[in-house]
Amino acid sequence: MLLDAWRLAVGTLTAVPVRPPMTVDRRRAGLAMLLAPLAVLPLSLALALVVALGHWLTLSYAITALLAIAVTVVGNRGFHLDGLSDVADGLAASFDRDRSLQVMKSGTSGPAGVVATVLVIGLQVSGLAALLGSVEWWRAAVLAGLAVCLSRVALVTCCARGIPAARQDGLGETYTQSITRSGAVALVALAAALLSFAGCWAGLEWWRGALAMAIATVVCLIMVLHAVRRFGGVTGDVFGAAVEIALAAIFVVLS
């Protein structure tokens, strides 16, 4: 079961080629979401490498940050950004649940989706650039890489018990309600502790990492609850939006 969950996590959250899992069910899906921070370690390492290259090539912090974020986007095939765009379009399209879900499923990006993508990417790049300018580059690379991994903890908010799927035929159906609330809280607390420790090691205030994780979780929870109210539940698009919003929140607070 663990191997299936690992393949499911890596195959869903990254562009790294893996063999498909033998079986996909709710237990394996829940475990895959718990493994998500580890599954995206290749993206984390790629981001850290870009930061290192930017330092050695004496690129500006803004350009280095933009290239680093671009690597994470390519590393997950733009899957999460697509979700963010679809959620924004769905929320802006109509107050009718079915109409909103139809717009989200169409795959096209409307004005709301484009604006949301630009704003969130802008926050990620700006936050990372500010972080690169505030601590030693190699410490910033490690901290930023950890932030990428821990941003995927936002997925447990979407998968916690009590959060339903918006439709029965989407990606979210397999993953929803696959993680206990106590398990979700425990993972968020562990992530906050890790980010706080890493931030302190990098030279930031000891509380900044914990605050970053707390704000990221609260913002994602608000979005998830709003999706439940508007769409009747969450979809795979909401999962992607949660990841991108969480990463933006973490970088902004750390900066």
Protein backbone atom coordinates (compact mmCIF):
# COMPACT_ATOMS: atom_id res chain seq x y z
CA MET A 1 0.00 0.00 0.00
CA LEU A 2 2.85 2.39 0.83
CA LEU A 3 4.43 1.91 -2.59
CA ASP A 4 1.11 2.57 -4.32
CA ALA A 5 0.61 5.72 -2.23
CA TRP A 6 4.12 6.92 -3.06
CA ARG A 7 3.61 6.39 -6.79
CA LEU A 8 0.27 8.13 -6.58
CA ALA A 9 1.76 11.14 -4.79
CA VAL A 10 4.74 11.51 -7.12
CA GLY A 11 2.71 10.90 -10.27
CA THR A 12 -0.01 13.35 -9.27
CA LEU A 13 2.10 16.16 -7.84
CA THR A 14 5.18 16.15 -10.06
CA ALA A 15 6.23 15.55 -13.65
CA VAL A 16 8.61 12.81 -12.53
CA PRO A 17 7.73 9.62 -14.46
CA VAL A 18 6.70 6.74 -12.20
CA ARG A 19 4.91 3.46 -12.71
CA PRO A 20 1.17 3.71 -12.04
CA PRO A 21 -0.05 2.33 -8.70
CA MET A 22 -1.50 -1.16 -8.70
CA THR A 23 -4.56 -0.03 -6.75
CA VAL A 24 -6.08 3.40 -6.12
CA ASP A 25 -8.53 3.75 -3.27
CA ARG A 26 -9.32 6.26 -0.53
CA ARG A 27 -6.82 4.80 1.96
CA ARG A 28 -3.98 5.00 -0.55
CA ALA A 29 -5.10 8.46 -1.67
CA GLY A 30 -5.05 9.73 1.92
CA LEU A 31 -1.60 8.28 2.50
CA ALA A 32 -0.43 9.85 -0.77
CA MET A 33 -1.51 13.26 0.48
CA LEU A 34 0.36 12.73 3.74
CA LEU A 35 3.44 11.87 1.68
CA ALA A 36 3.00 14.90 -0.57
CA PRO A 37 5.71 17.04 1.11
CA LEU A 38 8.27 14.28 0.49
CA ALA A 39 6.98 13.49 -3.00
CA VAL A 40 7.81 17.00 -4.24
CA LEU A 41 11.38 16.87 -2.95
CA PRO A 42 12.70 16.87 -6.56
CA LEU A 43 10.97 20.22 -7.12
CA SER A 44 12.45 21.53 -3.89
CA LEU A 45 15.95 20.51 -4.93
CA ALA A 46 15.47 22.04 -8.38
CA LEU A 47 14.41 25.35 -6.84
CA ALA A 48 17.42 25.33 -4.50
CA LEU A 49 19.71 24.63 -7.46
CA VAL A 50 18.31 27.59 -9.39
CA VAL A 51 18.89 29.82 -6.36
CA ALA A 52 22.50 28.60 -6.21
CA LEU A 53 23.01 29.22 -9.93
CA GLY A 54 21.47 32.67 -9.62
CA HIS A 55 23.97 33.51 -6.88
CA TRP A 56 26.96 32.22 -8.84
CA LEU A 57 25.85 34.07 -11.98
CA THR A 58 25.18 37.24 -9.91
CA LEU A 59 21.61 37.49 -11.18
CA SER A 60 19.26 39.89 -9.46
CA TYR A 61 17.07 38.51 -6.68
CA ALA A 62 13.95 39.15 -8.75
CA ILE A 63 15.21 37.23 -11.79
CA THR A 64 16.51 34.37 -9.64
CA ALA A 65 13.18 34.14 -7.83
CA LEU A 66 11.23 34.19 -11.10
CA LEU A 67 13.36 31.40 -12.56
CA ALA A 68 13.10 29.37 -9.35
CA ILE A 69 9.30 29.59 -9.29
CA ALA A 70 9.22 28.76 -13.01
CA VAL A 71 11.10 25.53 -12.29
CA THR A 72 8.48 24.45 -9.74
CA VAL A 73 5.71 25.22 -12.23
CA VAL A 74 7.37 23.15 -14.95
CA GLY A 75 8.07 20.44 -12.40
CA ASN A 76 4.36 19.88 -11.78
CA ARG A 77 3.25 20.52 -15.39
CA GLY A 78 1.45 23.69 -14.32
CA PHE A 79 -1.16 21.43 -12.72
CA HIS A 80 -1.66 23.56 -9.62
CA LEU A 81 -1.77 26.85 -11.48
CA ASP A 82 -4.39 25.40 -13.79
CA GLY A 83 -6.44 24.57 -10.71
CA LEU A 84 -6.00 28.06 -9.30
CA SER A 85 -7.15 29.60 -12.58
CA ASP A 86 -10.18 27.31 -12.83
CA VAL A 87 -11.27 28.00 -9.26
CA ALA A 88 -11.05 31.76 -9.79
CA ASP A 89 -13.08 31.49 -13.00
CA GLY A 90 -15.64 29.24 -11.32
CA LEU A 91 -16.11 31.66 -8.45
CA ALA A 92 -16.45 34.61 -10.82
CA ALA A 93 -18.66 32.90 -13.41
CA SER A 94 -21.90 32.46 -11.54
CA PHE A 95 -23.57 31.91 -8.18
CA ASP A 96 -25.15 28.81 -9.69
CA ARG A 97 -23.27 25.70 -8.55
CA ASP A 98 -23.69 23.71 -11.76
CA ARG A 99 -22.69 26.62 -13.96
CA SER A 100 -19.57 27.25 -11.87
CA LEU A 101 -18.52 23.60 -12.03
CA GLN A 102 -19.08 23.57 -15.77
CA VAL A 103 -16.83 26.61 -16.21
CA MET A 104 -14.14 24.99 -14.04
CA LYS A 105 -14.27 21.80 -16.07
CA SER A 106 -13.95 23.59 -19.41
CA GLY A 107 -10.21 24.07 -18.97
CA THR A 108 -10.09 27.57 -20.47
CA SER A 109 -8.79 30.58 -18.53
CA GLY A 110 -11.00 33.63 -18.22
CA PRO A 111 -10.13 37.10 -16.90
CA ALA A 112 -10.53 36.09 -13.25
CA GLY A 113 -8.31 33.07 -13.71
CA VAL A 114 -5.58 35.06 -15.43
CA VAL A 115 -5.63 37.77 -12.76
CA ALA A 116 -5.54 35.22 -9.93
CA THR A 117 -2.60 33.42 -11.52
CA VAL A 118 -0.64 36.64 -12.04
CA LEU A 119 -1.30 37.83 -8.49
CA VAL A 120 -0.35 34.56 -6.81
CA ILE A 121 2.76 34.05 -8.94
CA GLY A 122 3.66 37.68 -8.27
CA LEU A 123 3.40 37.13 -4.52
CA GLN A 124 5.50 33.98 -4.73
CA VAL A 125 8.24 35.66 -6.77
CA SER A 126 8.23 38.85 -4.68
CA GLY A 127 8.29 36.93 -1.42
CA LEU A 128 11.11 34.66 -2.55
CA ALA A 129 13.11 37.60 -3.91
CA ALA A 130 12.77 39.42 -0.58
CA LEU A 131 13.83 36.27 1.26
CA LEU A 132 16.92 35.95 -0.94
CA GLY A 133 17.85 39.49 -0.04
CA SER A 134 17.41 39.06 3.71
CA VAL A 135 19.47 35.93 4.52
CA GLU A 136 22.58 34.21 3.19
CA TRP A 137 21.90 32.76 -0.24
CA TRP A 138 22.57 29.13 0.69
CA ARG A 139 20.39 29.35 3.78
CA ALA A 140 17.70 31.00 1.68
CA ALA A 141 17.97 28.16 -0.84
CA VAL A 142 17.43 25.54 1.86
CA LEU A 143 14.57 27.48 3.47
CA ALA A 144 12.87 28.11 0.12
CA GLY A 145 13.18 24.45 -0.83
CA LEU A 146 11.62 23.44 2.47
CA ALA A 147 8.81 25.94 1.87
CA VAL A 148 8.00 24.23 -1.43
CA CYS A 149 7.71 20.87 0.31
CA LEU A 150 5.66 22.16 3.22
CA SER A 151 3.29 24.13 1.00
CA ARG A 152 1.89 20.73 -0.04
CA VAL A 153 0.64 20.26 3.52
CA ALA A 154 -2.23 22.46 2.34
CA LEU A 155 -3.59 19.37 0.62
CA VAL A 156 -4.64 17.83 3.94
CA THR A 157 -7.05 20.74 4.38
CA CYS A 158 -8.86 19.61 1.24
CA CYS A 159 -8.80 15.94 2.26
CA ALA A 160 -9.85 16.25 5.90
CA ARG A 161 -12.96 14.50 7.14
CA GLY A 162 -16.04 16.65 6.75
CA ILE A 163 -14.94 18.28 3.47
CA PRO A 164 -17.04 16.70 0.69
CA ALA A 165 -16.32 16.33 -3.01
CA ALA A 166 -18.16 18.74 -5.31
CA ARG A 167 -18.86 16.02 -7.87
CA GLN A 168 -18.66 12.28 -8.05
CA ASP A 169 -16.66 11.99 -11.27
CA GLY A 170 -13.70 14.24 -10.53
CA LEU A 171 -10.21 13.82 -9.14
CA GLY A 172 -11.27 15.14 -5.75
CA GLU A 173 -13.73 12.29 -5.13
CA THR A 174 -11.00 9.72 -4.44
CA TYR A 175 -9.05 11.99 -2.10
CA THR A 176 -11.77 13.76 -0.13
CA GLN A 177 -12.36 12.78 3.49
CA SER A 178 -9.37 10.42 3.36
CA ILE A 179 -7.51 12.05 6.26
CA THR A 180 -8.75 12.35 9.84
CA ARG A 181 -8.97 15.81 11.33
CA SER A 182 -6.48 14.87 14.04
CA GLY A 183 -4.08 13.63 11.37
CA ALA A 184 -4.43 16.89 9.44
CA VAL A 185 -3.82 18.98 12.55
CA ALA A 186 -0.79 16.87 13.49
CA LEU A 187 0.78 17.28 10.05
CA VAL A 188 0.21 21.05 10.05
CA ALA A 189 1.74 21.31 13.53
CA LEU A 190 4.78 19.28 12.46
CA ALA A 191 5.18 21.46 9.35
CA ALA A 192 4.97 24.62 11.48
CA ALA A 193 7.65 23.30 13.83
CA LEU A 194 9.96 22.37 10.95
CA LEU A 195 9.54 25.71 9.21
CA SER A 196 10.05 27.58 12.48
CA PHE A 197 13.26 25.67 13.18
CA ALA A 198 14.52 26.21 9.63
CA GLY A 199 13.67 29.90 9.74
CA CYS A 200 15.52 30.33 13.04
CA TRP A 201 18.52 28.46 11.57
CA ALA A 202 18.47 30.81 8.56
CA GLY A 203 18.56 33.87 10.80
CA LEU A 204 14.88 34.81 10.96
CA GLU A 205 12.86 35.29 14.13
CA TRP A 206 11.99 31.94 15.72
CA TRP A 207 8.25 32.52 15.35
CA ARG A 208 8.23 33.54 11.69
CA GLY A 209 8.16 30.01 10.25
CA ALA A 210 5.31 28.92 12.51
CA LEU A 211 3.37 32.06 11.64
CA ALA A 212 3.93 31.44 7.92
CA MET A 213 2.55 27.92 8.18
CA ALA A 214 -0.39 29.08 10.31
CA ILE A 215 -1.37 31.84 7.89
CA ALA A 216 -1.00 29.54 4.90
CA THR A 217 -3.28 26.99 6.59
CA VAL A 218 -5.90 29.57 7.56
CA VAL A 219 -5.98 31.10 4.06
CA CYS A 220 -6.35 27.65 2.48
CA LEU A 221 -9.06 26.68 4.96
CA ILE A 222 -11.01 29.84 4.14
CA MET A 223 -10.76 29.05 0.43
CA VAL A 224 -11.81 25.43 0.97
CA LEU A 225 -14.83 26.38 3.06
CA HIS A 226 -15.80 28.98 0.47
CA ALA A 227 -15.53 26.30 -2.24
CA VAL A 228 -17.77 24.01 -0.20
CA ARG A 229 -20.34 26.78 0.12
CA ARG A 230 -20.23 27.76 -3.57
CA PHE A 231 -19.55 24.42 -5.29
CA GLY A 232 -20.94 21.98 -2.75
CA GLY A 233 -17.46 20.61 -2.06
CA VAL A 234 -13.91 20.53 -3.35
CA THR A 235 -12.48 19.43 -6.68
CA GLY A 236 -9.01 18.66 -7.96
CA ASP A 237 -8.81 22.31 -9.01
CA VAL A 238 -9.31 23.39 -5.41
CA PHE A 239 -6.41 21.13 -4.41
CA GLY A 240 -4.13 22.88 -6.88
CA ALA A 241 -5.29 26.33 -5.82
CA ALA A 242 -4.61 25.48 -2.18
CA VAL A 243 -1.00 24.53 -2.94
CA GLU A 244 -0.27 27.72 -4.89
CA ILE A 245 -1.94 29.97 -2.31
CA ALA A 246 -0.10 28.24 0.54
CA LEU A 247 3.28 28.71 -1.15
CA ALA A 248 2.55 32.39 -1.77
CA ALA A 249 1.53 32.89 1.87
CA ILE A 250 4.63 31.13 3.19
CA PHE A 251 7.04 33.17 1.06
CA VAL A 252 5.32 36.44 1.89
CA VAL A 253 5.45 35.85 5.65
CA LEU A 254 9.02 34.53 5.57
CA SER A 255 10.11 37.62 3.64
